[in-house]
N, C-alpha and C. Protein backbone atom coordinates (compact mmCIF):
# COMPACT_ATOMS: atom_id res chain seq x y z
N MET A 1 83.57 93.52 103.46
CA MET A 1 82.39 94.30 103.14
C MET A 1 81.37 94.13 104.27
N HIS A 2 80.83 95.24 104.74
CA HIS A 2 79.81 95.24 105.79
C HIS A 2 78.48 95.60 105.15
N LEU A 3 77.48 94.73 105.27
CA LEU A 3 76.15 95.00 104.73
C LEU A 3 75.14 95.06 105.87
N ALA A 4 74.21 95.98 105.76
CA ALA A 4 73.12 96.10 106.72
C ALA A 4 71.90 96.61 105.98
N ILE A 5 70.73 96.22 106.40
CA ILE A 5 69.50 96.73 105.79
C ILE A 5 69.29 98.17 106.25
N GLU A 6 69.15 99.06 105.28
CA GLU A 6 68.88 100.46 105.61
C GLU A 6 67.37 100.72 105.69
N HIS A 7 66.65 100.32 104.63
CA HIS A 7 65.22 100.57 104.62
C HIS A 7 64.48 99.50 103.83
N ILE A 8 63.19 99.45 104.05
CA ILE A 8 62.29 98.56 103.33
C ILE A 8 61.29 99.45 102.61
N ALA A 9 61.10 99.20 101.31
CA ALA A 9 60.22 100.02 100.49
C ALA A 9 58.78 99.51 100.56
N ILE A 10 57.85 100.46 100.65
CA ILE A 10 56.43 100.13 100.64
C ILE A 10 55.73 101.03 99.61
N PRO A 11 55.62 100.55 98.36
CA PRO A 11 54.84 101.32 97.38
C PRO A 11 53.38 101.36 97.82
N SER A 12 52.74 102.50 97.66
CA SER A 12 51.38 102.69 98.17
C SER A 12 50.50 103.45 97.18
N PRO A 13 49.22 103.06 97.09
CA PRO A 13 48.30 103.84 96.27
C PRO A 13 48.05 105.24 96.86
N ASP A 14 48.29 105.40 98.17
CA ASP A 14 48.11 106.69 98.84
C ASP A 14 49.25 106.89 99.85
N PRO A 15 50.43 107.30 99.36
CA PRO A 15 51.59 107.42 100.25
C PRO A 15 51.38 108.34 101.45
N ALA A 16 50.67 109.43 101.28
CA ALA A 16 50.46 110.36 102.40
C ALA A 16 49.63 109.69 103.50
N ALA A 17 48.59 108.96 103.12
CA ALA A 17 47.76 108.28 104.12
C ALA A 17 48.54 107.17 104.80
N LEU A 18 49.34 106.42 104.05
CA LEU A 18 50.13 105.35 104.66
C LEU A 18 51.18 105.92 105.60
N ARG A 19 51.82 107.03 105.20
CA ARG A 19 52.76 107.71 106.08
C ARG A 19 52.09 108.07 107.40
N SER A 20 50.90 108.62 107.33
CA SER A 20 50.16 109.00 108.54
C SER A 20 49.85 107.79 109.42
N TRP A 21 49.51 106.66 108.79
CA TRP A 21 49.24 105.44 109.56
C TRP A 21 50.48 105.00 110.32
N TYR A 22 51.63 104.97 109.65
CA TYR A 22 52.86 104.55 110.32
C TYR A 22 53.27 105.52 111.42
N GLU A 23 52.99 106.81 111.25
CA GLU A 23 53.24 107.77 112.33
C GLU A 23 52.33 107.51 113.52
N ARG A 24 51.05 107.41 113.25
CA ARG A 24 50.05 107.27 114.32
C ARG A 24 50.12 105.93 115.01
N VAL A 25 50.25 104.84 114.25
CA VAL A 25 50.14 103.51 114.82
C VAL A 25 51.47 102.97 115.32
N LEU A 26 52.54 103.16 114.56
CA LEU A 26 53.84 102.59 114.95
C LEU A 26 54.80 103.62 115.54
N GLY A 27 54.39 104.89 115.60
CA GLY A 27 55.26 105.91 116.18
C GLY A 27 56.43 106.28 115.30
N ALA A 28 56.34 105.98 114.00
CA ALA A 28 57.42 106.34 113.07
C ALA A 28 57.45 107.85 112.89
N ARG A 29 58.63 108.37 112.54
CA ARG A 29 58.73 109.80 112.26
C ARG A 29 59.38 110.00 110.90
N GLU A 30 58.89 111.00 110.20
CA GLU A 30 59.41 111.29 108.87
C GLU A 30 60.81 111.91 108.98
N ILE A 31 61.77 111.34 108.26
CA ILE A 31 63.13 111.88 108.26
C ILE A 31 63.52 112.43 106.89
N PHE A 32 62.69 112.16 105.87
CA PHE A 32 62.91 112.71 104.54
C PHE A 32 61.58 112.77 103.82
N ASN A 33 61.38 113.85 103.06
CA ASN A 33 60.21 113.99 102.20
C ASN A 33 60.67 114.75 100.97
N ASN A 34 60.38 114.22 99.77
CA ASN A 34 60.84 114.88 98.55
C ASN A 34 60.00 116.10 98.18
N GLY A 35 58.94 116.39 98.93
CA GLY A 35 58.13 117.59 98.71
C GLY A 35 57.21 117.51 97.52
N GLN A 36 57.09 116.36 96.91
CA GLN A 36 56.23 116.21 95.75
C GLN A 36 54.87 115.65 96.16
N SER A 37 53.95 115.65 95.22
CA SER A 37 52.64 115.07 95.46
C SER A 37 52.34 114.10 94.35
N PRO A 38 52.24 112.82 94.64
CA PRO A 38 52.36 112.21 95.95
C PRO A 38 53.81 112.20 96.43
N PRO A 39 53.99 112.14 97.73
CA PRO A 39 55.35 112.20 98.28
C PRO A 39 56.09 110.87 98.22
N THR A 40 57.40 110.99 98.25
CA THR A 40 58.28 109.88 98.59
C THR A 40 58.91 110.29 99.91
N CYS A 41 58.82 109.41 100.90
CA CYS A 41 59.35 109.78 102.20
C CYS A 41 60.03 108.59 102.86
N LEU A 42 60.91 108.91 103.79
CA LEU A 42 61.55 107.90 104.64
C LEU A 42 61.02 108.09 106.05
N MET A 43 60.61 106.97 106.64
CA MET A 43 60.04 106.97 107.98
C MET A 43 60.92 106.14 108.89
N ALA A 44 61.35 106.70 110.02
CA ALA A 44 62.20 105.99 110.98
C ALA A 44 61.34 105.45 112.11
N LEU A 45 61.53 104.16 112.40
CA LEU A 45 60.84 103.55 113.54
C LEU A 45 61.56 103.93 114.84
N PRO A 46 60.85 104.02 115.95
CA PRO A 46 61.47 104.43 117.21
C PRO A 46 62.66 103.56 117.63
N GLY A 47 62.61 102.26 117.34
CA GLY A 47 63.68 101.36 117.75
C GLY A 47 64.72 101.10 116.69
N GLY A 48 64.64 101.78 115.55
CA GLY A 48 65.59 101.60 114.47
C GLY A 48 64.92 101.03 113.23
N GLY A 49 65.52 101.27 112.11
CA GLY A 49 64.99 100.82 110.83
C GLY A 49 64.13 101.87 110.17
N TRP A 50 64.15 101.87 108.84
CA TRP A 50 63.39 102.85 108.07
C TRP A 50 62.47 102.15 107.09
N PHE A 51 61.35 102.82 106.78
CA PHE A 51 60.47 102.47 105.67
C PHE A 51 60.54 103.59 104.66
N GLU A 52 60.62 103.24 103.38
CA GLU A 52 60.48 104.23 102.30
C GLU A 52 59.08 104.04 101.74
N ILE A 53 58.29 105.09 101.76
CA ILE A 53 56.92 105.04 101.25
C ILE A 53 56.85 105.93 100.02
N TYR A 54 56.33 105.37 98.94
CA TYR A 54 56.24 106.11 97.68
C TYR A 54 55.05 105.59 96.88
N ALA A 55 54.71 106.30 95.79
CA ALA A 55 53.53 105.97 94.99
C ALA A 55 53.68 104.64 94.27
N ALA A 56 52.63 103.84 94.33
CA ALA A 56 52.58 102.54 93.65
C ALA A 56 51.93 102.71 92.29
N GLU A 57 52.27 101.81 91.39
CA GLU A 57 51.63 101.78 90.07
C GLU A 57 50.50 100.75 90.03
N GLY A 58 50.41 99.91 91.03
CA GLY A 58 49.37 98.89 91.10
C GLY A 58 49.56 98.09 92.37
N ALA A 59 48.59 97.25 92.69
CA ALA A 59 48.67 96.44 93.91
C ALA A 59 48.69 94.96 93.54
N PRO A 60 49.55 94.17 94.20
CA PRO A 60 49.56 92.73 93.92
C PRO A 60 48.32 92.06 94.50
N GLU A 61 47.89 91.00 93.85
CA GLU A 61 46.81 90.20 94.40
C GLU A 61 47.33 89.42 95.60
N LYS A 62 46.46 89.16 96.55
CA LYS A 62 46.79 88.35 97.71
C LYS A 62 47.99 88.88 98.48
N ARG A 63 48.08 90.18 98.62
CA ARG A 63 49.20 90.84 99.28
C ARG A 63 49.49 90.25 100.66
N GLY A 64 48.46 89.90 101.42
CA GLY A 64 48.64 89.40 102.77
C GLY A 64 48.95 87.91 102.87
N ASN A 65 49.10 87.22 101.73
CA ASN A 65 49.41 85.79 101.75
C ASN A 65 50.89 85.60 102.05
N ASN A 66 51.21 85.10 103.22
CA ASN A 66 52.60 84.95 103.68
C ASN A 66 53.35 83.81 103.01
N LYS A 67 52.69 83.04 102.15
CA LYS A 67 53.33 81.90 101.50
C LYS A 67 53.71 82.17 100.04
N LEU A 68 53.41 83.34 99.51
CA LEU A 68 53.79 83.66 98.14
C LEU A 68 55.29 83.94 98.06
N ALA A 69 55.88 83.73 96.90
CA ALA A 69 57.31 83.98 96.71
C ALA A 69 57.61 85.48 96.84
N GLY A 70 58.83 85.80 97.24
CA GLY A 70 59.26 87.18 97.38
C GLY A 70 59.19 87.64 98.83
N PHE A 71 59.44 88.92 99.05
CA PHE A 71 59.35 89.47 100.39
C PHE A 71 57.90 89.46 100.84
N ARG A 72 57.61 88.98 102.03
CA ARG A 72 56.23 88.82 102.47
C ARG A 72 55.85 89.63 103.69
N HIS A 73 56.74 89.89 104.61
CA HIS A 73 56.34 90.62 105.81
C HIS A 73 57.54 91.33 106.43
N VAL A 74 57.22 92.23 107.35
CA VAL A 74 58.24 92.93 108.13
C VAL A 74 58.01 92.53 109.58
N ALA A 75 59.06 92.03 110.23
CA ALA A 75 58.98 91.62 111.63
C ALA A 75 59.48 92.77 112.51
N LEU A 76 58.71 93.08 113.52
CA LEU A 76 59.04 94.16 114.46
C LEU A 76 59.29 93.54 115.83
N ARG A 77 60.53 93.61 116.30
CA ARG A 77 60.87 93.00 117.58
C ARG A 77 60.34 93.85 118.73
N VAL A 78 59.73 93.17 119.70
CA VAL A 78 59.18 93.83 120.89
C VAL A 78 59.62 93.05 122.12
N ASP A 79 59.62 93.72 123.27
CA ASP A 79 59.94 93.05 124.53
C ASP A 79 58.80 92.15 124.99
N SER A 80 57.57 92.60 124.74
CA SER A 80 56.39 91.85 125.18
C SER A 80 55.31 91.93 124.11
N ILE A 81 54.91 90.79 123.58
CA ILE A 81 53.83 90.77 122.59
C ILE A 81 52.54 91.30 123.20
N GLU A 82 52.25 90.92 124.43
CA GLU A 82 51.00 91.34 125.06
C GLU A 82 50.93 92.86 125.21
N VAL A 83 52.01 93.47 125.66
CA VAL A 83 52.03 94.93 125.83
C VAL A 83 51.91 95.62 124.47
N ALA A 84 52.68 95.16 123.48
CA ALA A 84 52.64 95.77 122.15
C ALA A 84 51.26 95.58 121.51
N LYS A 85 50.69 94.39 121.66
CA LYS A 85 49.36 94.12 121.09
C LYS A 85 48.32 95.06 121.69
N ALA A 86 48.32 95.20 123.01
CA ALA A 86 47.35 96.07 123.68
C ALA A 86 47.49 97.51 123.20
N GLU A 87 48.72 98.00 123.05
CA GLU A 87 48.93 99.37 122.59
C GLU A 87 48.48 99.54 121.14
N LEU A 88 48.81 98.58 120.28
CA LEU A 88 48.39 98.66 118.88
C LEU A 88 46.88 98.56 118.74
N GLU A 89 46.23 97.76 119.56
CA GLU A 89 44.77 97.69 119.53
C GLU A 89 44.17 99.03 119.93
N ARG A 90 44.76 99.71 120.90
CA ARG A 90 44.28 101.06 121.27
C ARG A 90 44.42 102.03 120.10
N ARG A 91 45.38 101.76 119.22
CA ARG A 91 45.61 102.62 118.05
C ARG A 91 44.85 102.13 116.81
N GLY A 92 43.97 101.14 116.99
CA GLY A 92 43.09 100.71 115.92
C GLY A 92 43.49 99.46 115.15
N VAL A 93 44.60 98.82 115.51
CA VAL A 93 45.02 97.61 114.80
C VAL A 93 44.13 96.44 115.21
N LYS A 94 43.72 95.65 114.20
CA LYS A 94 42.93 94.43 114.44
C LYS A 94 43.85 93.23 114.21
N PHE A 95 43.82 92.30 115.13
CA PHE A 95 44.60 91.07 115.02
C PHE A 95 43.65 89.93 114.70
N GLY A 96 43.91 89.20 113.60
CA GLY A 96 43.04 88.12 113.17
C GLY A 96 43.55 86.74 113.52
N GLU A 97 44.72 86.66 114.12
CA GLU A 97 45.32 85.37 114.45
C GLU A 97 45.73 85.37 115.91
N GLU A 98 46.07 84.19 116.37
CA GLU A 98 46.59 84.03 117.73
C GLU A 98 48.12 84.08 117.69
N VAL A 99 48.73 84.32 118.84
CA VAL A 99 50.18 84.26 118.98
C VAL A 99 50.62 82.83 118.67
N ARG A 100 51.74 82.69 117.96
CA ARG A 100 52.24 81.36 117.64
C ARG A 100 53.76 81.32 117.78
N PRO A 101 54.36 80.12 117.78
CA PRO A 101 55.81 80.01 117.93
C PRO A 101 56.57 80.67 116.77
N ALA A 102 57.72 81.25 117.10
CA ALA A 102 58.58 81.89 116.09
C ALA A 102 59.70 80.94 115.69
N ALA A 103 60.09 80.98 114.44
CA ALA A 103 61.28 80.23 114.00
C ALA A 103 62.47 80.75 114.80
N GLY A 104 63.27 79.88 115.34
CA GLY A 104 64.43 80.28 116.12
C GLY A 104 64.13 80.54 117.58
N GLY A 105 62.89 80.33 118.00
CA GLY A 105 62.51 80.54 119.40
C GLY A 105 61.77 81.84 119.60
N GLY A 106 60.85 81.82 120.51
CA GLY A 106 60.06 83.00 120.80
C GLY A 106 58.65 82.87 120.25
N ARG A 107 57.98 84.01 120.09
CA ARG A 107 56.60 84.03 119.64
C ARG A 107 56.39 85.15 118.63
N VAL A 108 55.41 84.97 117.75
CA VAL A 108 55.06 85.98 116.76
C VAL A 108 53.55 86.21 116.75
N LEU A 109 53.17 87.40 116.30
CA LEU A 109 51.76 87.75 116.13
C LEU A 109 51.65 88.65 114.90
N PHE A 110 50.92 88.18 113.89
CA PHE A 110 50.79 88.90 112.62
C PHE A 110 49.65 89.91 112.65
N PHE A 111 49.81 90.98 111.85
CA PHE A 111 48.77 91.97 111.62
C PHE A 111 49.07 92.67 110.30
N GLU A 112 48.14 93.50 109.84
CA GLU A 112 48.32 94.23 108.59
C GLU A 112 48.21 95.73 108.83
N ASP A 113 48.91 96.51 107.99
CA ASP A 113 48.66 97.95 108.01
C ASP A 113 47.34 98.18 107.29
N PHE A 114 46.89 99.43 107.17
CA PHE A 114 45.55 99.66 106.62
C PHE A 114 45.46 99.38 105.13
N GLU A 115 46.59 99.17 104.45
CA GLU A 115 46.57 98.80 103.03
C GLU A 115 46.71 97.30 102.82
N GLY A 116 46.87 96.53 103.90
CA GLY A 116 46.98 95.09 103.77
C GLY A 116 48.40 94.57 103.73
N ASN A 117 49.41 95.42 103.95
CA ASN A 117 50.79 94.96 104.02
C ASN A 117 50.99 94.19 105.31
N LEU A 118 51.68 93.07 105.23
CA LEU A 118 51.79 92.15 106.36
C LEU A 118 52.99 92.51 107.25
N LEU A 119 52.71 92.64 108.55
CA LEU A 119 53.74 92.88 109.56
C LEU A 119 53.54 91.87 110.67
N HIS A 120 54.53 91.70 111.51
CA HIS A 120 54.29 90.93 112.72
C HIS A 120 55.21 91.36 113.83
N LEU A 121 54.70 91.15 115.04
CA LEU A 121 55.48 91.37 116.25
C LEU A 121 56.25 90.09 116.51
N VAL A 122 57.49 90.21 116.96
CA VAL A 122 58.27 89.03 117.36
C VAL A 122 58.89 89.32 118.71
N GLU A 123 58.73 88.35 119.61
CA GLU A 123 59.27 88.43 120.96
C GLU A 123 60.25 87.27 121.13
N ARG A 124 61.48 87.58 121.53
CA ARG A 124 62.50 86.55 121.74
C ARG A 124 62.83 86.48 123.22
N PRO A 125 62.70 85.30 123.84
CA PRO A 125 63.07 85.17 125.25
C PRO A 125 64.57 85.34 125.44
N ALA A 126 64.96 85.73 126.62
CA ALA A 126 66.38 85.97 126.92
C ALA A 126 67.23 84.75 126.62
N GLU A 127 66.71 83.55 126.81
CA GLU A 127 67.50 82.32 126.58
C GLU A 127 67.57 81.93 125.11
N SER A 128 66.87 82.62 124.23
CA SER A 128 66.92 82.32 122.80
C SER A 128 68.29 82.68 122.25
N PRO A 129 68.86 81.84 121.37
CA PRO A 129 70.13 82.20 120.74
C PRO A 129 70.02 83.44 119.86
N LEU A 130 68.81 83.85 119.51
CA LEU A 130 68.60 85.03 118.66
C LEU A 130 68.27 86.28 119.47
N ALA A 131 68.15 86.19 120.77
CA ALA A 131 67.72 87.31 121.61
C ALA A 131 68.63 88.52 121.49
N GLY A 132 69.91 88.33 121.48
CA GLY A 132 70.84 89.46 121.44
C GLY A 132 71.31 89.84 120.05
N LYS A 133 70.76 89.22 119.05
CA LYS A 133 71.21 89.47 117.66
C LYS A 133 70.55 90.69 117.08
């Protein structure tokens, strides 16, 4: 059996606005829209991977707390944290933390989308055992 992650779901109080944020800030493109209001859509990231954005029934407390049980963040691999950070800042992203070491080698930098969902950039050096994975 071959398993691979196809998409990550992001329930949203305003799916259309969140879709627009992922298009504008992360360069995602819509590959599916159910045509309803509010929409359910699939968004493809330029380097691979999809987000499914759909209407939420409520929001969890402390959404940005990375230590709560369950899925907590989405890691986006980049070649250079500095280059990616500068581009995202030009697109309006605010970074509240400093770059720190990544589990398995490399560096990470956390940020949130405009609804408070936690994402981070991850950079793996060529010598990291995880670089080519």
